[in-house]
Amino acid sequence: MEQPLLSEQRSESEEKTSENWSSYQYVGRAGSVIPTASLAGTEVSVEEIRSAAAYSDHYPPSLHSALVGSPEPDPDEQAVVYQGGYGGGAGSTTSEFHRQTLDEVEIRELLIDHVGHRCCWGSRPARTWKIQKVEDCNVYVGTLDTFIEERETIRETEPYLGGHIDGKDKGPELGIWELDLKSQFPVLFIPHKESREIIPHSESVEKCSDCAGRGDTVCLKCNANQEPGFYKENQMAQCSVCYGRGLIAHKDGSDSICLTCDGKGQIPCAACGSRGLVKCLTCKGSGSLRSRNVALVRWKTLSTRKVSATSGAASVPDDVFHRAKGVQLCNTQAYQCTPAFFADSFFLNKFSSEVIADRPPVPLSARVISERHTISVVPVTRVTMAHRSRLFSFYIIGFSREVYLKDYYPSRFCWGLCPCLEWLKL
């Protein structure tokens, strides 16, 4: 009989600075103190960020009560070295930098060590070729880190199996930016952190739309061809053992009753027991769903990185300079950073402005917490070696003295047939 179914529903400074650093001064916000060994730059106090946010339409100042200081710097970041007072001419920015003092023995040792880690590379050119030229190609690296908090609301449902409901009758539902997340606020400038928070008084109980509140849905195995909203009970399926005969044939020609179907040739539906209905998987048979709003909160750092290299170092990829150990000329942190100011260098002022101008776009669902701006100089030495009419060049980068050799090295024996070539992609 057919029945209707209800259908409602770097901290280590490897080189001590000399007097040549006297032409640079630590650049910070007004009133900041020049640090002598600060590794993460000056930290902006909680009060300063709150004060800046108080005049912004983008971020309620009450949310800044849990701000903490900056984390320890990544060991791969540029080292910070103390800088002295101003001095020098506007055109002396590059020329007055302290240069890496490398003699011939050190240069050869660095190249021999680099070659020694490459399969199928010979050390003869590094040991015997003449060092024809040593050039200083200092590179400037600028960064702007924007630490943001992004919030969005998602609706979650789960089967309601009874229990307390925190609905609007318990109080007004809070807005997503009214949630107090003091206990979960991370350290500033971490790469990424995510948190989920149930919005108070947002719960409700709803009828399950998949089963219209019945807790059961039509069995698609035995009622596959029925009209929507209707089902039949006691639908039987052919026995797969005796193929509907009710008897099992034997080799001697005799038959016996099929024990699977008890000789009837048909068996009940394995999915629903021939009820015509199966338990609703969405509500687990309860017929009701608990719905609530959940705040998905993400803290992350958006970074802008810019490199200013001379033509001599233009062939080196930017990421090599970003991870090299250099000297920080400027490290400022504020609610919103402005370009740094160097009284003796128009070039650095312009470079800082370009970094700030490339500030990454902030999503509409996010708010800025704090920014950090740094400018560093990475010492780069370009070495050219010669033998007869053959030449090749390589670079010694940063105070860690990392060797970078882009393509050509004259003593290689794999002819591109071994995986060692992949190691060149530093």
Foldseek 3Di string as FASTA:
>chain_A
DKDFADQDFAQDDPDADDCLLAQFAAFEDPPDDQDARDFQPDWDDLVQLLVVCVPDPFAHSVQSPQADTADGDDNLFAYAHHGHHRDDAQPCVPVSDDADDDDLVRQLVQVQVVQVVFPQFDSCLSVDFAFDDKDWWKKKKKKKKFKKKFKDKDKDKAADPDDDWQACVVDHWDDLSVDHPSVPDDHPADAKDKDKAFTGRFKDKDFHRQRRLQQKDFDCVQAVPDDPRMWAAPRKDFDPQCRQQQWDADPVGDIDGDPVCRSRRIAADPQPSRGRIHGDPRNRSRRMMMMTMMMMMMIRMDMFMDMDIDPVCVVPDPVVQRSAHFYWSYKYKHLQDDQTDRPRYPPSSVVSNVNSVPPDDDDPRMDTSMMMIIMTMKIKMKIWTDDDHDIAIWIQIHPVRNIAGQDDDPRGDCVPPDPSVVVNPD
